[in-house]
C-alpha atoms as a PDB file:
ATOM      1  CA  MET A   1      -6.425   9.602  -0.027  1.00  0.00           C
ATOM      2  CA  PHE A   2      -4.061   6.967   1.330  1.00  0.00           C
ATOM      3  CA  PHE A   3      -4.811   7.741   4.965  1.00  0.00           C
ATOM      4  CA  ASN A   4      -8.552   7.774   5.590  1.00  0.00           C
ATOM      5  CA  ASN A   5     -10.618   4.808   4.539  1.00  0.00           C
ATOM      6  CA  THR A   6     -14.213   5.745   5.422  1.00  0.00           C
ATOM      7  CA  THR A   7     -15.216   7.902   2.462  1.00  0.00           C
ATOM      8  CA  TRP A   8     -12.313   6.728   0.319  1.00  0.00           C
ATOM      9  CA  THR A   9     -13.499   3.100   0.351  1.00  0.00           C
ATOM     10  CA  LYS A  10     -16.948   4.057  -0.915  1.00  0.00           C
ATOM     11  CA  GLU A  11     -15.450   6.266  -3.621  1.00  0.00           C
ATOM     12  CA  LEU A  12     -13.039   3.590  -4.825  1.00  0.00           C
ATOM     13  CA  LYS A  13     -15.710   0.915  -4.949  1.00  0.00           C
ATOM     14  CA  SER A  14     -18.303   3.027  -6.723  1.00  0.00           C
ATOM     15  CA  ILE A  15     -16.332   5.318  -9.012  1.00  0.00           C
ATOM     16  CA  HIS A  16     -13.084   3.461  -9.666  1.00  0.00           C
ATOM     17  CA  ASN A  17     -14.327  -0.139  -9.337  1.00  0.00           C
ATOM     18  CA  ILE A  18     -11.443  -1.126  -7.056  1.00  0.00           C
ATOM     19  CA  ASP A  19     -12.171  -4.472  -5.448  1.00  0.00           C
ATOM     20  CA  ASN A  20      -9.760  -4.252  -2.532  1.00  0.00           C
ATOM     21  CA  PRO A  21      -9.620  -0.687  -1.212  1.00  0.00           C
ATOM     22  CA  ILE A  22      -7.221  -0.386   1.707  1.00  0.00           C
ATOM     23  CA  SER A  23      -5.738   2.683   3.346  1.00  0.00           C
ATOM     24  CA  LEU A  24      -2.577   3.257   5.345  1.00  0.00           C
ATOM     25  CA  LYS A  25      -4.877   3.737   8.351  1.00  0.00           C
ATOM     26  CA  ASP A  26      -6.202   0.189   7.805  1.00  0.00           C
ATOM     27  CA  ILE A  27      -2.652  -1.141   7.543  1.00  0.00           C
ATOM     28  CA  ARG A  28      -1.623   0.633  10.750  1.00  0.00           C
ATOM     29  CA  HIS A  29      -4.646  -0.885  12.515  1.00  0.00           C
ATOM     30  CA  ARG A  30      -3.674  -4.334  11.218  1.00  0.00           C
ATOM     31  CA  ILE A  31      -0.128  -3.886  12.512  1.00  0.00           C
ATOM     32  CA  GLU A  32      -1.363  -2.756  15.930  1.00  0.00           C
ATOM     33  CA  SER A  33      -3.740  -5.722  16.162  1.00  0.00           C
ATOM     34  CA  PHE A  34      -1.002  -8.197  15.072  1.00  0.00           C
ATOM     35  CA  TYR A  35      -3.070  -9.136  12.018  1.00  0.00           C
ATOM     36  CA  TYR A  36       0.029  -9.938   9.991  1.00  0.00           C
ATOM     37  CA  GLY A  37       1.717 -12.041  12.665  1.00  0.00           C
ATOM     38  CA  ASP A  38       5.035 -13.103  11.138  1.00  0.00           C
ATOM     39  CA  SER A  39       3.830 -12.537   7.579  1.00  0.00           C
ATOM     40  CA  PHE A  40       5.936  -9.829   6.009  1.00  0.00           C
ATOM     41  CA  LEU A  41       4.447 -10.813   2.663  1.00  0.00           C
ATOM     42  CA  GLY A  42       0.930  -9.961   3.907  1.00  0.00           C
ATOM     43  CA  PHE A  43       2.101  -6.532   5.030  1.00  0.00           C
ATOM     44  CA  GLN A  44       3.987  -5.955   1.774  1.00  0.00           C
ATOM     45  CA  THR A  45       0.975  -6.987  -0.299  1.00  0.00           C
ATOM     46  CA  ASP A  46      -1.361  -4.624   1.563  1.00  0.00           C
ATOM     47  CA  VAL A  47       0.994  -1.649   1.257  1.00  0.00           C
ATOM     48  CA  GLU A  48       1.547  -2.245  -2.462  1.00  0.00           C
ATOM     49  CA  CYS A  49      -2.206  -2.679  -2.984  1.00  0.00           C
ATOM     50  CA  CYS A  50      -2.880   0.626  -1.207  1.00  0.00           C
ATOM     51  CA  LEU A  51      -0.325   2.434  -3.341  1.00  0.00           C
ATOM     52  CA  ARG A  52      -1.436   0.780  -6.596  1.00  0.00           C
ATOM     53  CA  ASN A  53      -4.995   1.872  -5.829  1.00  0.00           C
ATOM     54  CA  GLY A  54      -3.635   5.419  -5.723  1.00  0.00           C
ATOM     55  CA  VAL A  55      -2.514   5.249  -9.336  1.00  0.00           C
ATOM     56  CA  SER A  56      -5.471   3.404 -10.813  1.00  0.00           C
ATOM     57  CA  ASP A  57      -7.687   5.564 -12.998  1.00  0.00           C
ATOM     58  CA  GLU A  58      -5.531   8.619 -12.315  1.00  0.00           C
ATOM     59  CA  PRO A  59      -3.936  10.578 -15.142  1.00  0.00           C
ATOM     60  CA  VAL A  60      -0.154  10.238 -15.122  1.00  0.00           C
ATOM     61  CA  SER A  61       0.159  13.996 -14.671  1.00  0.00           C
ATOM     62  CA  SER A  62      -1.968  14.089 -11.481  1.00  0.00           C
ATOM     63  CA  GLN A  63      -0.378  14.744  -8.094  1.00  0.00           C
ATOM     64  CA  THR A  64      -1.969  11.584  -6.683  1.00  0.00           C
ATOM     65  CA  TYR A  65      -0.446   9.425  -9.409  1.00  0.00           C
ATOM     66  CA  GLN A  66       2.966  11.051  -9.018  1.00  0.00           C
ATOM     67  CA  ALA A  67       2.936  10.695  -5.217  1.00  0.00           C
ATOM     68  CA  ALA A  68       1.800   7.066  -5.320  1.00  0.00           C
ATOM     69  CA  SER A  69       4.392   6.211  -7.981  1.00  0.00           C
ATOM     70  CA  ARG A  70       7.204   7.676  -5.876  1.00  0.00           C
ATOM     71  CA  LEU A  71       5.939   5.855  -2.800  1.00  0.00           C
ATOM     72  CA  ILE A  72       5.741   2.536  -4.671  1.00  0.00           C
ATOM     73  CA  PHE A  73       9.323   2.929  -5.877  1.00  0.00           C
ATOM     74  CA  ALA A  74      10.589   3.909  -2.407  1.00  0.00           C
ATOM     75  CA  PHE A  75       8.671   1.106  -0.701  1.00  0.00           C
ATOM     76  CA  ARG A  76       9.970  -1.556  -3.088  1.00  0.00           C
ATOM     77  CA  SER A  77      13.520  -0.305  -2.581  1.00  0.00           C
ATOM     78  CA  LEU A  78      13.099  -0.519   1.189  1.00  0.00           C
ATOM     79  CA  VAL A  79      11.641  -4.033   0.910  1.00  0.00           C
ATOM     80  CA  LYS A  80      14.637  -5.192  -1.135  1.00  0.00           C
ATOM     81  CA  GLU A  81      17.031  -3.642   1.374  1.00  0.00           C
ATOM     82  CA  PHE A  82      15.171  -5.235   4.292  1.00  0.00           C
ATOM     83  CA  LYS A  83      15.150  -8.675   2.667  1.00  0.00           C
ATOM     84  CA  ARG A  84      18.861  -8.462   1.919  1.00  0.00           C
ATOM     85  CA  SER A  85      19.550  -7.573   5.550  1.00  0.00           C
ATOM     86  CA  GLN A  86      17.603 -10.640   6.693  1.00  0.00           C
ATOM     87  CA  ILE A  87      19.603 -13.152   4.641  1.00  0.00           C
ATOM     88  CA  GLU A  88      21.978 -15.115   6.791  1.00  0.00           C
ATOM     89  CA  ILE A  89      25.217 -16.045   5.060  1.00  0.00           C
ATOM     90  CA  ARG A  90      27.018 -19.001   6.587  1.00  0.00           C
END
């Protein structure tokens, strides 16, 4: 679900009414094409959007919801750790 965007995009738009479907494959392509430039926030926003899309309209008990929830938590923890490592203390 998170990886392939061709059929997934159509499904999200039609069934789940998600306005901004994005997959990890799309994000990887954006990284490879330097789409984000120096914008970590753009990258962070896209990843969180992809993962949030995974939990929308899913029952809490579903495997998709559980996987996306764990990934969101792990990603946010990594972002915090990364940001702390980038702070320069003088």
